[in-house]
């Protein structure tokens, strides 16, 4: 039976959804935009600061589920401007280590609260071993 996950250290859901759901050995993360959970406002600043807030928010939900964002197996990155794609890659290289999670990145017409980026994903609840090349 799927189980909802909630972290007070991440923004509250702004709709009829859970921050994440556990099913089997996987955590399904709802999309996070760069909202500071203490203030409830979008993070001011450059794109990198917004990405960092999203990663912090996703990590908080992962911790509440007993895992770590670095166990992500798949991430989806939604960008309001595909011109930020190189920055996404650079920040992902700083946060994750090989083997990197599978990922999709696409430009969308708009995101909630006029955010520049949103990320959702699937995370393993425990170490599953690494595939070899």
Protein backbone atom coordinates (compact mmCIF):
# COMPACT_ATOMS: atom_id res chain seq x y z
CA UNK A 1 0.00 0.00 0.00
CA UNK A 2 1.48 3.39 -0.92
CA UNK A 3 2.35 5.67 2.00
CA UNK A 4 2.54 9.47 1.98
CA UNK A 5 5.67 11.30 3.16
CA UNK A 6 5.71 14.79 4.65
CA UNK A 7 8.58 17.00 5.80
CA UNK A 8 8.10 20.26 7.70
CA UNK A 9 11.50 21.26 6.24
CA UNK A 10 10.07 21.42 2.72
CA UNK A 11 7.24 23.57 1.37
CA UNK A 12 3.71 22.34 2.03
CA UNK A 13 1.86 20.97 -0.96
CA UNK A 14 -0.04 23.77 -2.69
CA UNK A 15 -2.68 21.46 -4.10
CA UNK A 16 -4.27 18.05 -3.79
CA UNK A 17 -1.06 16.02 -3.69
CA UNK A 18 1.56 14.70 -1.25
CA UNK A 19 5.17 15.85 -1.07
CA UNK A 20 6.08 12.25 -1.87
CA UNK A 21 4.75 8.72 -1.86
CA UNK A 22 6.53 5.50 -0.94
CA UNK A 23 5.61 2.41 -2.89
CA UNK A 24 7.73 -0.70 -2.54
CA UNK A 25 11.41 0.24 -2.43
CA UNK A 26 10.92 3.57 -4.21
CA UNK A 27 10.12 7.12 -3.17
CA UNK A 28 8.17 9.16 -5.73
CA UNK A 29 8.89 12.87 -5.21
CA UNK A 30 6.34 15.47 -6.26
CA UNK A 31 7.68 18.45 -8.13
CA UNK A 32 9.41 21.12 -6.05
CA UNK A 33 9.82 24.72 -7.09
CA UNK A 34 12.28 27.07 -5.33
CA UNK A 35 10.13 27.93 -2.32
CA UNK A 36 11.78 28.72 1.01
CA UNK A 37 9.73 26.56 3.40
CA UNK A 38 10.21 28.94 6.35
CA UNK A 39 8.86 31.98 4.48
CA UNK A 40 6.64 30.31 1.89
CA UNK A 41 8.02 32.57 -0.83
CA UNK A 42 9.99 31.90 -3.99
CA UNK A 43 13.72 32.26 -3.44
CA UNK A 44 15.09 35.52 -4.74
CA UNK A 45 18.34 35.52 -6.64
CA UNK A 46 19.89 33.83 -9.58
CA UNK A 47 19.01 30.52 -11.16
CA UNK A 48 21.71 28.67 -9.17
CA UNK A 49 20.18 29.84 -5.87
CA UNK A 50 16.79 28.61 -7.02
CA UNK A 51 18.22 25.22 -8.00
CA UNK A 52 19.93 24.93 -4.61
CA UNK A 53 16.64 25.59 -2.81
CA UNK A 54 14.91 22.90 -4.85
CA UNK A 55 17.66 20.38 -4.07
CA UNK A 56 17.40 21.32 -0.37
CA UNK A 57 13.61 20.85 -0.48
CA UNK A 58 13.85 17.50 -2.23
CA UNK A 59 16.56 16.36 0.20
CA UNK A 60 14.32 17.27 3.17
CA UNK A 61 11.54 15.08 1.82
CA UNK A 62 14.02 12.27 1.17
CA UNK A 63 15.30 12.46 4.76
CA UNK A 64 11.72 12.30 6.05
CA UNK A 65 11.36 9.07 4.07
CA UNK A 66 14.62 7.64 5.41
CA UNK A 67 16.69 8.03 2.27
CA UNK A 68 18.92 10.57 0.52
CA UNK A 69 18.49 12.50 -2.72
CA UNK A 70 21.85 11.10 -3.86
CA UNK A 71 20.00 7.78 -4.30
CA UNK A 72 17.85 9.31 -7.04
CA UNK A 73 17.38 6.95 -9.95
CA UNK A 74 15.39 9.36 -12.15
CA UNK A 75 14.88 13.12 -12.14
CA UNK A 76 12.71 15.31 -14.34
CA UNK A 77 13.73 18.95 -14.67
CA UNK A 78 11.19 21.43 -16.01
CA UNK A 79 12.62 24.76 -17.17
CA UNK A 80 10.82 27.92 -18.18
CA UNK A 81 13.96 28.77 -20.22
CA UNK A 82 16.04 25.99 -21.78
CA UNK A 83 18.88 28.51 -21.82
CA UNK A 84 19.49 27.44 -18.18
CA UNK A 85 20.30 23.87 -19.27
CA UNK A 86 24.08 24.31 -18.90
CA UNK A 87 23.62 25.63 -15.34
CA UNK A 88 21.43 22.63 -14.50
CA UNK A 89 24.20 20.30 -15.70
CA UNK A 90 26.89 22.14 -13.73
CA UNK A 91 24.85 22.10 -10.51
CA UNK A 92 23.92 18.44 -10.94
CA UNK A 93 27.61 17.57 -11.34
CA UNK A 94 28.33 19.40 -8.06
CA UNK A 95 25.51 17.69 -6.14
CA UNK A 96 25.58 14.13 -7.52
CA UNK A 97 28.44 11.71 -8.15
CA UNK A 98 28.64 9.07 -10.88
CA UNK A 99 26.71 7.12 -11.74
CA UNK A 100 24.36 10.07 -12.16
CA UNK A 101 20.61 9.53 -12.03
CA UNK A 102 18.70 9.15 -15.27
CA UNK A 103 17.22 12.52 -16.19
CA UNK A 104 14.96 14.40 -18.52
CA UNK A 105 15.11 18.16 -18.93
CA UNK A 106 12.54 20.05 -20.93
CA UNK A 107 11.26 23.54 -21.46
CA UNK A 108 7.68 24.23 -20.45
CA UNK A 109 5.44 27.21 -21.12
CA UNK A 110 4.97 28.07 -17.44
CA UNK A 111 5.47 26.73 -13.91
CA UNK A 112 3.57 27.37 -10.67
CA UNK A 113 4.20 30.82 -9.16
CA UNK A 114 6.16 31.76 -12.30
CA UNK A 115 9.13 29.70 -11.08
CA UNK A 116 12.08 29.26 -13.42
CA UNK A 117 12.53 25.56 -12.60
CA UNK A 118 10.77 22.57 -11.06
CA UNK A 119 12.19 19.11 -10.33
CA UNK A 120 10.51 15.82 -9.44
CA UNK A 121 11.92 12.34 -9.30
CA UNK A 122 12.16 8.77 -8.13
CA UNK A 123 14.57 7.79 -5.34
CA UNK A 124 15.64 4.38 -4.05
CA UNK A 125 14.91 3.85 -0.37
CA UNK A 126 18.03 1.75 0.09
CA UNK A 127 21.26 1.08 -1.73
CA UNK A 128 20.61 -1.20 -4.68
CA UNK A 129 24.13 -1.53 -6.07
CA UNK A 130 25.54 0.04 -9.20
CA UNK A 131 25.33 -1.24 -12.72
CA UNK A 132 28.62 -1.64 -14.51
CA UNK A 133 29.38 0.06 -17.79
